[in-house]
Amino acid sequence: MLVNLVGAIAEKNGVSDHQIAKRLGLSMSQLNRALLVLASPEAEGGLALVEARQDDKRRTLWLTDKGHALINESMP
């Protein structure tokens, strides 16, 4: 699931959390648990691949530089 989530964010950087959850068939609870791993800093045991930005009531998801590097490495 984490790999699919990172890949989906890479396809549309800045996607809203609700859009990505719907697209991947995840509940918001599942998405939030995945984001704890993907967005938390490495010092806190996370992967630091995704950044969540809050815009009023809307949360958007973006790849970090580390996330972009991972995607670029995995592409042929």
Protein backbone atom coordinates (compact mmCIF):
# COMPACT_ATOMS: atom_id res chain seq x y z
CA MET A 1 0.00 0.00 0.00
CA LEU A 2 2.79 2.47 0.84
CA VAL A 3 4.43 1.99 -2.56
CA ASN A 4 1.10 2.56 -4.32
CA LEU A 5 0.49 5.69 -2.28
CA VAL A 6 3.89 7.19 -3.09
CA GLY A 7 3.41 6.34 -6.77
CA ALA A 8 -0.03 7.94 -6.85
CA ILE A 9 1.27 11.12 -5.24
CA ALA A 10 4.12 11.18 -7.77
CA GLU A 11 1.58 11.11 -10.60
CA LYS A 12 -0.21 14.18 -9.24
CA ASN A 13 1.87 16.11 -6.74
CA GLY A 14 -0.40 18.27 -4.60
CA VAL A 15 -3.34 15.87 -4.65
CA SER A 16 -5.85 16.19 -1.83
CA ASP A 17 -5.94 13.49 0.81
CA HIS A 18 -9.59 12.72 0.04
CA GLN A 19 -8.90 12.32 -3.69
CA ILE A 20 -6.00 9.95 -3.14
CA ALA A 21 -7.90 7.87 -0.57
CA LYS A 22 -10.82 7.49 -2.97
CA ARG A 23 -8.56 6.68 -5.90
CA LEU A 24 -6.73 3.96 -3.96
CA GLY A 25 -9.81 2.64 -2.19
CA LEU A 26 -8.52 3.56 1.28
CA SER A 27 -10.43 4.81 4.26
CA MET A 28 -9.19 8.09 5.72
CA SER A 29 -8.05 6.12 8.76
CA GLN A 30 -5.90 3.85 6.58
CA LEU A 31 -4.50 6.85 4.73
CA ASN A 32 -3.65 8.66 7.96
CA ARG A 33 -1.81 5.61 9.33
CA ALA A 34 0.18 5.30 6.09
CA LEU A 35 1.04 9.00 6.20
CA LEU A 36 2.42 8.59 9.72
CA VAL A 37 5.09 6.38 8.20
CA LEU A 38 5.59 8.25 4.93
CA ALA A 39 5.56 11.82 6.25
CA SER A 40 7.28 11.50 9.63
CA PRO A 41 10.92 12.54 9.82
CA GLU A 42 13.53 9.79 9.81
CA ALA A 43 14.57 10.81 13.33
CA GLU A 44 11.09 9.76 14.45
CA GLY A 45 11.19 6.44 12.60
CA GLY A 46 9.44 7.68 9.46
CA LEU A 47 10.51 7.65 5.84
CA ALA A 48 10.20 11.40 5.09
CA LEU A 49 8.98 10.72 1.53
CA VAL A 50 5.76 12.74 1.66
CA GLU A 51 4.84 16.18 2.97
CA ALA A 52 1.27 16.98 3.99
CA ARG A 53 0.31 20.66 3.65
CA GLN A 54 -2.79 22.14 5.23
CA ASP A 55 -4.68 24.78 3.21
CA ASP A 56 -7.67 25.94 5.26
CA LYS A 57 -9.71 22.72 5.51
CA ARG A 58 -7.95 20.95 2.64
CA ARG A 59 -4.85 18.79 3.12
CA THR A 60 -2.67 18.20 0.07
CA LEU A 61 0.08 15.63 -0.31
CA TRP A 62 3.43 16.32 -1.94
CA LEU A 63 6.58 14.29 -2.46
CA THR A 64 9.67 15.53 -0.65
CA ASP A 65 13.03 15.74 -2.42
CA LYS A 66 13.78 12.31 -0.98
CA GLY A 67 10.47 11.01 -2.37
CA HIS A 68 11.25 12.38 -5.83
CA ALA A 69 14.73 10.82 -5.71
CA LEU A 70 13.24 7.44 -4.83
CA ILE A 71 10.77 7.62 -7.71
CA ASN A 72 13.49 8.68 -10.16
CA GLU A 73 15.74 5.80 -9.04
CA SER A 74 12.98 3.25 -9.56
CA MET A 75 12.15 4.38 -13.09
CA PRO A 76 14.08 2.74 -15.94
